[in-house]
Structure formats: structure tokens, C-alpha cells
Amino acid sequence: MGSIGVESFQTTFAVPLHCDSCVESVTKVLNEVDGVHKIEAALKDQTVLVEGTAPPSAVVAAIESTGRDAILRGSGKSNGAGVCILETHAPAIRDPVRGLARMVQVGENKTLVDLTLKGVSSGTYYATVRETGDISQGAASTGGVWEAIKRAVGFESEQEPARGMFGTITVGKDGRGSTFLDRPVAIWELIGRGMVVSKSAHAGLQKNDPDTLVGVIARSAGVWDNDKVVCSCSGKTVWQERKEQQAQGML
């Protein structure tokens, strides 16, 4: 996956590091990831900071290839990161979570979107941000695509590219897909809006089928904002929380 034109940003991950050998192993595999420019692994804190242009999903995949888990703890600056858990609203689905969008703002009007899908049928999917965050009825209640504005051209009008048209993602036969999108928007504009990922690009024709995913964009921790290892509410470690999330189908 190329990173041409993408500005460098920092991301932190919680990684179970038990000794110097663990640090060496993780550092070695990350050095082979395209777009990774700097790596700082802290044995004491069990964290890994990565700076560069590589998608967070690529960093997670590299760390997992060493047999270790990796949890995204923060990305970008304070108030400059977002996340959206994408679920199907189709009935009788055991594991509804089928996608995750990680977002980090790297410029005044520039946000990177790291989108991953799993457990859906193969094909091309359209990622759109919607006018509202009402997902009570799935994609149908999220409204139109964000800022789909018409402009006058002579005596006629034509549709400008909507700001909410984020791009496409290709899913293979294994039911997995990932893409790294670069959009001219700020994080604060996205918070609270709905995101829909579907095989249909038409906002008004989407139904709650297993391959139509929807979620609400929420703020995520900045790179230095979240260093917890134990949750103050549940008393569980991040690894215990991770296992529970994975059991629910989360990426």
C-alpha cells in the first residue's frame, strides 16, 4: 500500500513486551513495513510508538505476525483522532461487528482514514459519511451523504462531489479488505456523524443486509492521551478487554 503524499504522523500501540528480545523482534518486523520511519519501544510501559506514513492496520498486522497482540492506544494530536466501529444491522447476525475505521488528522484540513473490513462478501464497497449519526434503523436513518451540494451551471445544475464520499475498499474472497484514504476534512467535522460502508453508492437504496455496515464516528485518544493498562471502571487489563472485544467480533 503506497504512502505517497501522506504526511508523517505518530501512533502508539500497547504490545506485550517481556524482555529485550521482544523489543528486538517487534522492532525488526516494523522496520520492514513500508512507511515506518521511526520506532520507539518501551519495555517498562509495554508500548510501541511508530512514526511515519504507514496505516495503523499495517503496523498491527506486522506486530501480530510475531505472535504478539497489538492494541491501538492513540494516534495524532489531542482532539485530532477518531474511530468508528462498523456493524451490520441485519437481523439474526451473531457477530455484527465487521469493520473499523481509524482516523487521524495530520493537517489543518487533512485527515487520514485507515479502513478495515472482515467477514463480508467479496467485491467493491463504498465508504460514505452521512449527515446524521442516527443509526437506530441502520443506514436508512443516517440521512444523505454529508454535504452533497448542487451548484448552478448555466441554466442547469450538477452535483458537486460530496464531502462525505470517502472512497472505495476492495474485499477479497477471504472476506477481508483494507484501504488508506486521504480526505480534505477535519476531525471535528466528522464527530457524531454516521459512517456507512456498503456495496451500494446510492444513499437512498441501502437496506440492512449483512454487507451494509454502519457506525457513529467518535473521538479517539491522541498519541499521548491514553497510556492506561488497567481500566479504572472494570479493573480489567487492556488484554482482558481485548479478548472480550475479539469474542464479540471486533477487529
Protein backbone atom coordinates (compact mmCIF):
# COMPACT_ATOMS: atom_id res chain seq x y z
CA MET A 1 0.00 0.00 0.00
CA GLY A 2 1.60 3.25 -1.07
CA SER A 3 2.03 6.32 1.11
CA ILE A 4 2.93 8.95 -1.50
CA GLY A 5 1.70 12.40 -0.48
CA VAL A 6 0.75 11.30 3.05
CA GLU A 7 2.16 13.36 5.90
CA SER A 8 4.01 11.64 8.71
CA PHE A 9 2.14 11.06 11.98
CA GLN A 10 2.67 9.25 15.28
CA THR A 11 0.72 6.28 16.62
CA THR A 12 1.11 4.38 19.90
CA PHE A 13 0.28 0.72 20.47
CA ALA A 14 0.06 -1.42 23.60
CA VAL A 15 2.16 -4.53 22.97
CA PRO A 16 3.04 -7.29 25.49
CA LEU A 17 6.82 -6.91 25.70
CA HIS A 18 8.51 -9.16 28.26
CA CYS A 19 12.22 -8.76 27.52
CA ASP A 20 14.78 -7.09 25.26
CA SER A 21 14.35 -9.93 22.81
CA CYS A 22 10.67 -9.00 22.42
CA VAL A 23 11.64 -5.43 21.69
CA GLU A 24 14.17 -6.54 19.08
CA SER A 25 11.68 -8.86 17.40
CA VAL A 26 8.96 -6.21 17.14
CA THR A 27 11.41 -3.52 16.02
CA LYS A 28 12.84 -5.78 13.32
CA VAL A 29 9.47 -6.59 11.76
CA LEU A 30 8.30 -2.96 11.89
CA ASN A 31 11.44 -1.81 10.11
CA GLU A 32 10.27 -3.88 7.16
CA VAL A 33 6.90 -2.11 6.92
CA ASP A 34 6.68 0.42 4.12
CA GLY A 35 6.20 3.92 5.52
CA VAL A 36 7.58 3.32 9.03
CA HIS A 37 10.22 5.96 9.73
CA LYS A 38 10.77 5.77 13.48
CA ILE A 39 10.14 3.17 16.20
CA GLU A 40 10.34 3.62 19.97
CA ALA A 41 9.56 0.53 22.04
CA ALA A 42 9.24 0.96 25.82
CA LEU A 43 9.72 -2.33 27.68
CA LYS A 44 8.62 -0.89 31.02
CA ASP A 45 5.38 0.60 29.68
CA GLN A 46 4.78 -2.19 27.14
CA THR A 47 4.12 0.33 24.39
CA VAL A 48 5.44 0.90 20.90
CA LEU A 49 5.42 4.34 19.28
CA VAL A 50 5.57 4.39 15.49
CA GLU A 51 6.13 7.49 13.37
CA GLY A 52 5.70 7.56 9.62
CA THR A 53 3.06 7.19 6.93
CA ALA A 54 2.16 3.50 7.36
CA PRO A 55 -1.53 2.72 8.07
CA PRO A 56 -2.09 1.64 11.70
CA SER A 57 -3.67 -1.58 10.42
CA ALA A 58 -0.40 -2.46 8.64
CA VAL A 59 1.53 -1.85 11.88
CA VAL A 60 -0.88 -4.05 13.85
CA ALA A 61 -0.60 -6.83 11.25
CA ALA A 62 3.20 -6.70 11.40
CA ILE A 63 3.27 -6.92 15.20
CA GLU A 64 0.75 -9.77 15.17
CA SER A 65 3.00 -11.65 12.73
CA THR A 66 5.48 -12.03 15.61
CA GLY A 67 2.85 -13.85 17.68
CA ARG A 68 2.07 -10.82 19.85
CA ASP A 69 -1.09 -8.78 20.11
CA ALA A 70 -1.25 -5.04 19.46
CA ILE A 71 -3.86 -2.52 20.56
CA LEU A 72 -4.03 0.98 19.12
CA ARG A 73 -3.75 3.36 22.09
CA GLY A 74 -3.67 6.72 20.35
CA SER A 75 -2.91 8.49 17.11
CA GLY A 76 -2.17 12.05 16.12
CA LYS A 77 -2.60 15.06 18.40
CA SER A 78 -5.17 15.63 21.14
CA ASN A 79 -8.65 16.08 19.62
CA GLY A 80 -7.21 15.04 16.28
CA ALA A 81 -8.18 11.37 16.15
CA GLY A 82 -11.42 9.48 15.63
CA VAL A 83 -12.74 5.94 15.42
CA CYS A 84 -15.83 4.24 14.03
CA ILE A 85 -16.89 0.66 14.77
CA LEU A 86 -18.87 -0.62 11.80
CA GLU A 87 -21.68 -3.12 12.35
CA THR A 88 -24.37 -4.75 10.26
CA HIS A 89 -27.95 -4.15 11.35
CA ALA A 90 -29.22 -7.20 9.51
CA PRO A 91 -31.31 -9.46 11.78
CA ALA A 92 -30.06 -12.71 13.29
CA ILE A 93 -26.35 -11.92 12.90
CA ARG A 94 -24.21 -13.47 15.63
CA ASP A 95 -21.15 -11.22 15.22
CA PRO A 96 -22.42 -7.87 13.90
CA VAL A 97 -19.06 -6.02 14.08
CA ARG A 98 -17.43 -6.31 10.67
CA GLY A 99 -15.33 -3.21 10.23
CA LEU A 100 -13.27 -0.50 11.86
CA ALA A 101 -12.28 2.98 10.68
CA ARG A 102 -9.37 4.70 12.41
CA MET A 103 -8.93 8.39 11.64
CA VAL A 104 -6.10 10.82 12.33
CA GLN A 105 -5.87 14.47 11.36
CA VAL A 106 -2.42 15.34 10.00
CA GLY A 107 -3.04 18.87 8.75
CA GLU A 108 -5.40 21.82 9.16
CA ASN A 109 -7.80 20.30 6.65
CA LYS A 110 -6.44 16.81 6.05
CA THR A 111 -7.48 13.54 7.69
CA LEU A 112 -6.23 10.03 7.02
CA VAL A 113 -8.72 7.16 7.26
CA ASP A 114 -7.48 3.61 7.85
CA LEU A 115 -10.44 1.38 7.00
CA THR A 116 -10.52 -2.40 7.50
CA LEU A 117 -13.34 -4.89 6.90
CA LYS A 118 -13.76 -8.57 7.70
CA GLY A 119 -16.44 -11.21 7.38
CA VAL A 120 -18.23 -9.63 4.42
CA SER A 121 -18.70 -10.90 0.88
CA SER A 122 -16.12 -10.09 -1.78
CA GLY A 123 -16.48 -7.05 -4.01
CA THR A 124 -16.17 -3.28 -4.05
CA TYR A 125 -17.59 -1.27 -1.15
CA TYR A 126 -18.30 2.47 -0.91
CA ALA A 127 -17.41 4.35 2.28
CA THR A 128 -19.56 7.41 2.99
CA VAL A 129 -20.01 9.81 5.88
CA ARG A 130 -23.63 10.81 6.48
CA GLU A 131 -25.42 13.95 7.63
CA THR A 132 -26.50 12.45 10.97
CA GLY A 133 -25.36 9.88 13.49
CA ASP A 134 -28.79 8.28 13.88
CA ILE A 135 -28.16 4.57 13.31
CA SER A 136 -31.33 3.37 15.02
CA GLN A 137 -32.55 1.93 11.71
CA GLY A 138 -29.14 1.17 10.27
CA ALA A 139 -28.00 3.01 7.15
CA ALA A 140 -31.55 4.17 6.33
CA SER A 141 -31.73 6.56 9.31
CA THR A 142 -28.32 8.23 8.82
CA GLY A 143 -29.64 10.68 6.23
CA GLY A 144 -27.99 11.68 2.98
CA VAL A 145 -24.30 11.74 2.19
CA TRP A 146 -22.64 14.62 4.03
CA GLU A 147 -22.63 17.89 2.05
CA ALA A 148 -23.87 16.65 -1.30
CA ILE A 149 -24.34 20.18 -2.67
CA LYS A 150 -25.71 21.12 -6.07
CA ARG A 151 -24.19 24.02 -7.94
CA ALA A 152 -25.63 26.08 -10.80
CA VAL A 153 -24.04 25.65 -14.23
CA GLY A 154 -25.76 27.94 -16.72
CA PHE A 155 -29.46 27.04 -16.67
CA GLU A 156 -28.81 23.61 -15.28
CA SER A 157 -27.23 22.21 -12.15
CA GLU A 158 -24.77 19.45 -11.49
CA GLN A 159 -23.83 17.55 -8.39
CA GLU A 160 -20.56 18.52 -6.76
CA PRO A 161 -18.55 15.66 -5.24
CA ALA A 162 -19.99 15.26 -1.75
CA ARG A 163 -17.54 15.77 1.10
CA GLY A 164 -18.93 12.59 2.60
CA MET A 165 -17.88 10.42 -0.35
CA PHE A 166 -14.74 8.98 1.21
CA GLY A 167 -13.75 6.32 -1.30
CA THR A 168 -13.88 2.62 -2.06
CA ILE A 169 -12.46 -0.52 -0.49
CA THR A 170 -11.98 -3.89 -2.19
CA VAL A 171 -12.74 -7.06 -0.26
CA GLY A 172 -11.19 -10.35 -1.34
CA LYS A 173 -12.59 -13.87 -1.34
CA ASP A 174 -11.40 -14.28 2.28
CA GLY A 175 -13.88 -11.62 3.35
CA ARG A 176 -11.19 -9.11 4.30
CA GLY A 177 -10.19 -5.76 2.88
CA SER A 178 -8.29 -2.64 3.88
CA THR A 179 -7.60 0.78 2.43
CA PHE A 180 -5.90 4.04 3.44
CA LEU A 181 -7.85 7.15 2.44
CA ASP A 182 -6.74 10.80 2.42
CA ARG A 183 -9.61 13.30 2.81
CA PRO A 184 -9.71 17.15 2.95
CA VAL A 185 -11.68 17.31 6.20
CA ALA A 186 -11.02 17.97 9.90
CA ILE A 187 -11.80 15.51 12.69
CA TRP A 188 -14.13 17.92 14.48
CA GLU A 189 -16.38 17.98 11.39
CA LEU A 190 -16.79 14.20 11.50
CA ILE A 191 -17.51 13.56 15.18
CA GLY A 192 -21.09 12.41 15.76
CA ARG A 193 -21.81 11.68 12.12
CA GLY A 194 -22.70 8.26 10.80
CA MET A 195 -20.44 6.26 8.52
CA VAL A 196 -21.84 3.72 6.08
CA VAL A 197 -19.85 1.14 4.14
CA SER A 198 -21.91 -0.67 1.54
CA LYS A 199 -21.81 -2.18 -1.92
CA SER A 200 -24.35 0.47 -2.95
CA ALA A 201 -23.16 4.03 -3.58
CA HIS A 202 -26.76 5.30 -3.50
CA ALA A 203 -27.76 6.55 -0.06
CA GLY A 204 -31.48 6.01 -0.61
CA LEU A 205 -31.35 2.38 -1.72
CA GLN A 206 -29.50 0.79 1.15
CA LYS A 207 -31.08 -1.97 3.20
CA ASN A 208 -29.93 -3.68 6.38
CA ASP A 209 -28.24 -6.62 4.68
CA PRO A 210 -25.18 -8.40 6.15
CA ASP A 211 -22.82 -6.45 3.87
CA THR A 212 -24.09 -2.97 4.75
CA LEU A 213 -22.16 -1.65 7.74
CA VAL A 214 -22.89 1.42 9.81
CA GLY A 215 -21.43 3.19 12.84
CA VAL A 216 -21.05 6.55 14.58
CA ILE A 217 -17.75 8.41 14.39
CA ALA A 218 -16.41 9.16 17.89
CA ARG A 219 -13.33 10.86 19.28
CA SER A 220 -10.31 8.67 19.88
CA ALA A 221 -7.29 9.25 22.12
CA GLY A 222 -4.38 11.28 20.83
CA VAL A 223 -0.93 9.71 20.79
CA TRP A 224 -0.12 10.86 24.34
CA ASP A 225 -3.66 10.83 25.77
CA ASN A 226 -4.15 7.16 26.65
CA ASP A 227 -1.49 5.17 28.46
CA LYS A 228 -3.73 3.09 30.73
CA VAL A 229 -3.02 -0.61 31.21
CA VAL A 230 -5.86 -1.29 33.67
CA CYS A 231 -9.37 0.11 33.21
CA SER A 232 -10.44 2.16 36.24
CA CYS A 233 -14.08 1.13 35.70
CA SER A 234 -13.83 -2.64 35.32
CA GLY A 235 -10.38 -3.30 36.80
CA LYS A 236 -9.56 -5.38 33.71
CA THR A 237 -6.30 -5.12 31.82
CA VAL A 238 -6.31 -3.96 28.22
CA TRP A 239 -5.56 -7.55 27.20
CA GLN A 240 -8.63 -8.89 29.04
CA GLU A 241 -10.74 -6.22 27.38
CA ARG A 242 -9.18 -7.15 24.04
CA LYS A 243 -10.19 -10.81 24.36
CA GLU A 244 -13.76 -9.82 25.16
CA GLN A 245 -13.87 -7.48 22.16
CA GLN A 246 -12.49 -10.16 19.84
CA ALA A 247 -15.13 -12.59 21.12
CA GLN A 248 -17.73 -10.05 20.01
CA GLY A 249 -16.23 -9.94 16.52
CA MET A 250 -14.21 -6.72 16.82
CA LEU A 251 -11.04 -6.33 14.79
